[in-house]
């Protein structure tokens, strides 16, 4: 997994280059915390399927 990820930031309302703030390995896959360098908005991903930034 890379150290950067481009994604839309809902706070900045623009495409941003998020950085990986932390990561660990779980039984579900790698858990990574991502942060926007401009506003500090963060979200979590676990493996390829779980993404807390996705809307329901």
PDB file of N, CA and C in Angstrom:
ATOM      1  N   UNK A   1       0.853  -1.178   0.000  1.00  0.00           N
ATOM      2  CA  UNK A   1       0.000   0.000   0.000  1.00  0.00           C
ATOM      3  C   UNK A   1       0.892   1.233   0.000  1.00  0.00           C
ATOM      4  N   UNK A   2       0.490   2.224  -0.726  1.00  0.00           N
ATOM      5  CA  UNK A   2       1.297   3.433  -0.839  1.00  0.00           C
ATOM      6  C   UNK A   2       1.141   4.337   0.383  1.00  0.00           C
ATOM      7  N   UNK A   3       1.965   5.357   0.441  1.00  0.00           N
ATOM      8  CA  UNK A   3       1.916   6.323   1.537  1.00  0.00           C
ATOM      9  C   UNK A   3       1.007   7.503   1.230  1.00  0.00           C
ATOM     10  N   UNK A   4       0.563   7.606  -0.028  1.00  0.00           N
ATOM     11  CA  UNK A   4      -0.323   8.700  -0.437  1.00  0.00           C
ATOM     12  C   UNK A   4      -1.485   8.137  -1.244  1.00  0.00           C
ATOM     13  N   UNK A   5      -2.596   8.871  -1.217  1.00  0.00           N
ATOM     14  CA  UNK A   5      -3.804   8.429  -1.919  1.00  0.00           C
ATOM     15  C   UNK A   5      -4.579   9.677  -2.333  1.00  0.00           C
ATOM     16  N   UNK A   6      -4.924   9.772  -3.606  1.00  0.00           N
ATOM     17  CA  UNK A   6      -5.711  10.909  -4.073  1.00  0.00           C
ATOM     18  C   UNK A   6      -7.189  10.573  -3.931  1.00  0.00           C
ATOM     19  N   UNK A   7      -7.929  11.485  -3.316  1.00  0.00           N
ATOM     20  CA  UNK A   7      -9.349  11.270  -3.058  1.00  0.00           C
ATOM     21  C   UNK A   7     -10.012  12.620  -2.817  1.00  0.00           C
ATOM     22  N   UNK A   8     -11.313  12.673  -3.009  1.00  0.00           N
ATOM     23  CA  UNK A   8     -12.075  13.895  -2.748  1.00  0.00           C
ATOM     24  C   UNK A   8     -12.221  14.091  -1.242  1.00  0.00           C
ATOM     25  N   UNK A   9     -11.892  15.275  -0.765  1.00  0.00           N
ATOM     26  CA  UNK A   9     -12.045  15.615   0.643  1.00  0.00           C
ATOM     27  C   UNK A   9     -13.379  16.337   0.824  1.00  0.00           C
ATOM     28  N   UNK A  10     -14.278  15.818   1.675  1.00  0.00           N
ATOM     29  CA  UNK A  10     -15.579  16.463   1.851  1.00  0.00           C
ATOM     30  C   UNK A  10     -15.501  17.810   2.576  1.00  0.00           C
ATOM     31  N   UNK A  11     -14.459  18.045   3.343  1.00  0.00           N
ATOM     32  CA  UNK A  11     -14.305  19.319   4.054  1.00  0.00           C
ATOM     33  C   UNK A  11     -13.760  20.389   3.112  1.00  0.00           C
ATOM     34  N   UNK A  12     -12.703  20.058   2.373  1.00  0.00           N
ATOM     35  CA  UNK A  12     -12.107  21.000   1.411  1.00  0.00           C
ATOM     36  C   UNK A  12     -12.945  21.111   0.137  1.00  0.00           C
ATOM     37  N   UNK A  13     -13.812  20.114  -0.109  1.00  0.00           N
ATOM     38  CA  UNK A  13     -14.642  20.029  -1.307  1.00  0.00           C
ATOM     39  C   UNK A  13     -13.799  20.074  -2.583  1.00  0.00           C
ATOM     40  N   UNK A  14     -12.706  19.287  -2.577  1.00  0.00           N
ATOM     41  CA  UNK A  14     -11.784  19.257  -3.707  1.00  0.00           C
ATOM     42  C   UNK A  14     -10.982  17.949  -3.661  1.00  0.00           C
ATOM     43  N   UNK A  15     -10.359  17.582  -4.769  1.00  0.00           N
ATOM     44  CA  UNK A  15      -9.449  16.445  -4.783  1.00  0.00           C
ATOM     45  C   UNK A  15      -8.214  16.817  -3.978  1.00  0.00           C
ATOM     46  N   UNK A  16      -7.806  15.928  -3.084  1.00  0.00           N
ATOM     47  CA  UNK A  16      -6.640  16.159  -2.246  1.00  0.00           C
ATOM     48  C   UNK A  16      -5.747  14.928  -2.264  1.00  0.00           C
ATOM     49  N   UNK A  17      -4.481  15.113  -1.960  1.00  0.00           N
ATOM     50  CA  UNK A  17      -3.544  14.014  -1.820  1.00  0.00           C
ATOM     51  C   UNK A  17      -3.426  13.701  -0.337  1.00  0.00           C
ATOM     52  N   UNK A  18      -4.150  12.656   0.115  1.00  0.00           N
ATOM     53  CA  UNK A  18      -4.148  12.246   1.514  1.00  0.00           C
ATOM     54  C   UNK A  18      -2.861  11.497   1.813  1.00  0.00           C
ATOM     55  N   UNK A  19      -2.391  11.586   3.043  1.00  0.00           N
ATOM     56  CA  UNK A  19      -1.228  10.810   3.457  1.00  0.00           C
ATOM     57  C   UNK A  19      -1.650   9.752   4.469  1.00  0.00           C
ATOM     58  N   UNK A  20      -0.921   8.647   4.487  1.00  0.00           N
ATOM     59  CA  UNK A  20      -1.225   7.562   5.424  1.00  0.00           C
ATOM     60  C   UNK A  20      -0.606   7.915   6.773  1.00  0.00           C
ATOM     61  N   UNK A  21      -1.454   8.139   7.776  1.00  0.00           N
ATOM     62  CA  UNK A  21      -1.003   8.561   9.096  1.00  0.00           C
ATOM     63  C   UNK A  21      -0.591   7.380   9.964  1.00  0.00           C
ATOM     64  N   UNK A  22      -1.206   6.208   9.773  1.00  0.00           N
ATOM     65  CA  UNK A  22      -0.898   5.022  10.565  1.00  0.00           C
ATOM     66  C   UNK A  22      -1.430   3.795   9.844  1.00  0.00           C
ATOM     67  N   UNK A  23      -0.864   2.640  10.190  1.00  0.00           N
ATOM     68  CA  UNK A  23      -1.387   1.382   9.646  1.00  0.00           C
ATOM     69  C   UNK A  23      -1.018   0.235  10.571  1.00  0.00           C
ATOM     70  N   UNK A  24      -1.845  -0.794  10.521  1.00  0.00           N
ATOM     71  CA  UNK A  24      -1.622  -2.013  11.286  1.00  0.00           C
ATOM     72  C   UNK A  24      -2.306  -3.156  10.551  1.00  0.00           C
ATOM     73  N   UNK A  25      -1.931  -4.370  10.871  1.00  0.00           N
ATOM     74  CA  UNK A  25      -2.521  -5.538  10.221  1.00  0.00           C
ATOM     75  C   UNK A  25      -3.546  -6.179  11.158  1.00  0.00           C
ATOM     76  N   UNK A  26      -4.738  -6.412  10.631  1.00  0.00           N
ATOM     77  CA  UNK A  26      -5.819  -7.077  11.356  1.00  0.00           C
ATOM     78  C   UNK A  26      -6.177  -8.367  10.632  1.00  0.00           C
ATOM     79  N   UNK A  27      -7.041  -9.157  11.241  1.00  0.00           N
ATOM     80  CA  UNK A  27      -7.483 -10.384  10.571  1.00  0.00           C
ATOM     81  C   UNK A  27      -8.327 -10.087   9.327  1.00  0.00           C
ATOM     82  N   UNK A  28      -8.873  -8.881   9.226  1.00  0.00           N
ATOM     83  CA  UNK A  28      -9.670  -8.472   8.056  1.00  0.00           C
ATOM     84  C   UNK A  28      -8.804  -7.920   6.936  1.00  0.00           C
ATOM     85  N   UNK A  29      -7.555  -7.578   7.229  1.00  0.00           N
ATOM     86  CA  UNK A  29      -6.654  -6.976   6.261  1.00  0.00           C
ATOM     87  C   UNK A  29      -5.907  -5.823   6.898  1.00  0.00           C
ATOM     88  N   UNK A  30      -5.230  -5.031   6.082  1.00  0.00           N
ATOM     89  CA  UNK A  30      -4.477  -3.902   6.607  1.00  0.00           C
ATOM     90  C   UNK A  30      -5.406  -2.730   6.909  1.00  0.00           C
ATOM     91  N   UNK A  31      -5.323  -2.208   8.137  1.00  0.00           N
ATOM     92  CA  UNK A  31      -6.090  -1.039   8.545  1.00  0.00           C
ATOM     93  C   UNK A  31      -5.184   0.174   8.396  1.00  0.00           C
ATOM     94  N   UNK A  32      -5.650   1.178   7.665  1.00  0.00           N
ATOM     95  CA  UNK A  32      -4.862   2.388   7.446  1.00  0.00           C
ATOM     96  C   UNK A  32      -5.698   3.616   7.786  1.00  0.00           C
ATOM     97  N   UNK A  33      -5.070   4.572   8.445  1.00  0.00           N
ATOM     98  CA  UNK A  33      -5.699   5.859   8.737  1.00  0.00           C
ATOM     99  C   UNK A  33      -5.121   6.883   7.778  1.00  0.00           C
ATOM    100  N   UNK A  34      -6.018   7.612   7.099  1.00  0.00           N
ATOM    101  CA  UNK A  34      -5.624   8.601   6.096  1.00  0.00           C
ATOM    102  C   UNK A  34      -6.006   9.993   6.571  1.00  0.00           C
ATOM    103  N   UNK A  35      -5.180  10.989   6.281  1.00  0.00           N
ATOM    104  CA  UNK A  35      -5.421  12.380   6.683  1.00  0.00           C
ATOM    105  C   UNK A  35      -5.218  13.331   5.515  1.00  0.00           C
ATOM    106  N   UNK A  36      -6.064  14.371   5.478  1.00  0.00           N
ATOM    107  CA  UNK A  36      -5.912  15.458   4.515  1.00  0.00           C
ATOM    108  C   UNK A  36      -4.916  16.455   5.105  1.00  0.00           C
ATOM    109  N   UNK A  37      -3.864  16.804   4.391  1.00  0.00           N
ATOM    110  CA  UNK A  37      -2.871  17.725   4.946  1.00  0.00           C
ATOM    111  C   UNK A  37      -3.376  19.161   5.080  1.00  0.00           C
ATOM    112  N   UNK A  38      -4.411  19.532   4.344  1.00  0.00           N
ATOM    113  CA  UNK A  38      -4.917  20.907   4.393  1.00  0.00           C
ATOM    114  C   UNK A  38      -5.856  21.156   5.567  1.00  0.00           C
ATOM    115  N   UNK A  39      -6.791  20.233   5.819  1.00  0.00           N
ATOM    116  CA  UNK A  39      -7.812  20.485   6.843  1.00  0.00           C
ATOM    117  C   UNK A  39      -7.763  19.498   8.008  1.00  0.00           C
ATOM    118  N   UNK A  40      -7.053  18.372   7.855  1.00  0.00           N
ATOM    119  CA  UNK A  40      -6.970  17.381   8.920  1.00  0.00           C
ATOM    120  C   UNK A  40      -8.068  16.338   8.903  1.00  0.00           C
ATOM    121  N   UNK A  41      -8.997  16.409   7.930  1.00  0.00           N
ATOM    122  CA  UNK A  41     -10.042  15.391   7.815  1.00  0.00           C
ATOM    123  C   UNK A  41      -9.389  14.017   7.692  1.00  0.00           C
ATOM    124  N   UNK A  42      -9.942  13.028   8.383  1.00  0.00           N
ATOM    125  CA  UNK A  42      -9.380  11.690   8.332  1.00  0.00           C
ATOM    126  C   UNK A  42     -10.425  10.622   8.109  1.00  0.00           C
ATOM    127  N   UNK A  43      -9.991   9.493   7.564  1.00  0.00           N
ATOM    128  CA  UNK A  43     -10.859   8.340   7.400  1.00  0.00           C
ATOM    129  C   UNK A  43     -10.014   7.079   7.506  1.00  0.00           C
ATOM    130  N   UNK A  44     -10.684   5.936   7.633  1.00  0.00           N
ATOM    131  CA  UNK A  44     -10.021   4.654   7.831  1.00  0.00           C
ATOM    132  C   UNK A  44     -10.403   3.708   6.698  1.00  0.00           C
ATOM    133  N   UNK A  45      -9.433   2.928   6.239  1.00  0.00           N
ATOM    134  CA  UNK A  45      -9.701   1.840   5.310  1.00  0.00           C
ATOM    135  C   UNK A  45      -9.207   0.545   5.949  1.00  0.00           C
ATOM    136  N   UNK A  46      -9.918  -0.540   5.676  1.00  0.00           N
ATOM    137  CA  UNK A  46      -9.481  -1.869   6.103  1.00  0.00           C
ATOM    138  C   UNK A  46      -9.547  -2.759   4.875  1.00  0.00           C
ATOM    139  N   UNK A  47      -8.387  -3.211   4.443  1.00  0.00           N
ATOM    140  CA  UNK A  47      -8.317  -4.000   3.221  1.00  0.00           C
ATOM    141  C   UNK A  47      -8.815  -3.191   2.038  1.00  0.00           C
ATOM    142  N   UNK A  48      -9.423  -3.876   1.101  1.00  0.00           N
ATOM    143  CA  UNK A  48      -9.968  -3.209  -0.093  1.00  0.00           C
ATOM    144  C   UNK A  48     -11.463  -2.946   0.034  1.00  0.00           C
ATOM    145  N   UNK A  49     -12.143  -3.600   0.991  1.00  0.00           N
ATOM    146  CA  UNK A  49     -13.604  -3.527   1.055  1.00  0.00           C
ATOM    147  C   UNK A  49     -14.164  -2.478   2.005  1.00  0.00           C
ATOM    148  N   UNK A  50     -13.476  -2.151   3.082  1.00  0.00           N
ATOM    149  CA  UNK A  50     -14.026  -1.250   4.095  1.00  0.00           C
ATOM    150  C   UNK A  50     -13.384   0.116   3.984  1.00  0.00           C
ATOM    151  N   UNK A  51     -14.210   1.153   3.836  1.00  0.00           N
ATOM    152  CA  UNK A  51     -13.738   2.526   3.684  1.00  0.00           C
ATOM    153  C   UNK A  51     -14.701   3.445   4.416  1.00  0.00           C
ATOM    154  N   UNK A  52     -14.256   4.057   5.520  1.00  0.00           N
ATOM    155  CA  UNK A  52     -15.154   4.890   6.315  1.00  0.00           C
ATOM    156  C   UNK A  52     -15.488   6.221   5.644  1.00  0.00           C
ATOM    157  N   UNK A  53     -14.815   6.559   4.546  1.00  0.00           N
ATOM    158  CA  UNK A  53     -15.126   7.801   3.838  1.00  0.00           C
ATOM    159  C   UNK A  53     -16.297   7.636   2.878  1.00  0.00           C
ATOM    160  N   UNK A  54     -16.657   6.397   2.557  1.00  0.00           N
ATOM    161  CA  UNK A  54     -17.752   6.125   1.616  1.00  0.00           C
ATOM    162  C   UNK A  54     -19.097   6.436   2.278  1.00  0.00           C
ATOM    163  N   UNK A  55     -19.975   7.072   1.525  1.00  0.00           N
ATOM    164  CA  UNK A  55     -21.304   7.368   2.054  1.00  0.00           C
ATOM    165  C   UNK A  55     -22.192   6.144   1.941  1.00  0.00           C
ATOM    166  N   UNK A  56     -23.124   6.025   2.862  1.00  0.00           N
ATOM    167  CA  UNK A  56     -24.010   4.848   2.916  1.00  0.00           C
ATOM    168  C   UNK A  56     -25.067   4.877   1.851  1.00  0.00           C
TER     169      UNK A  56
END
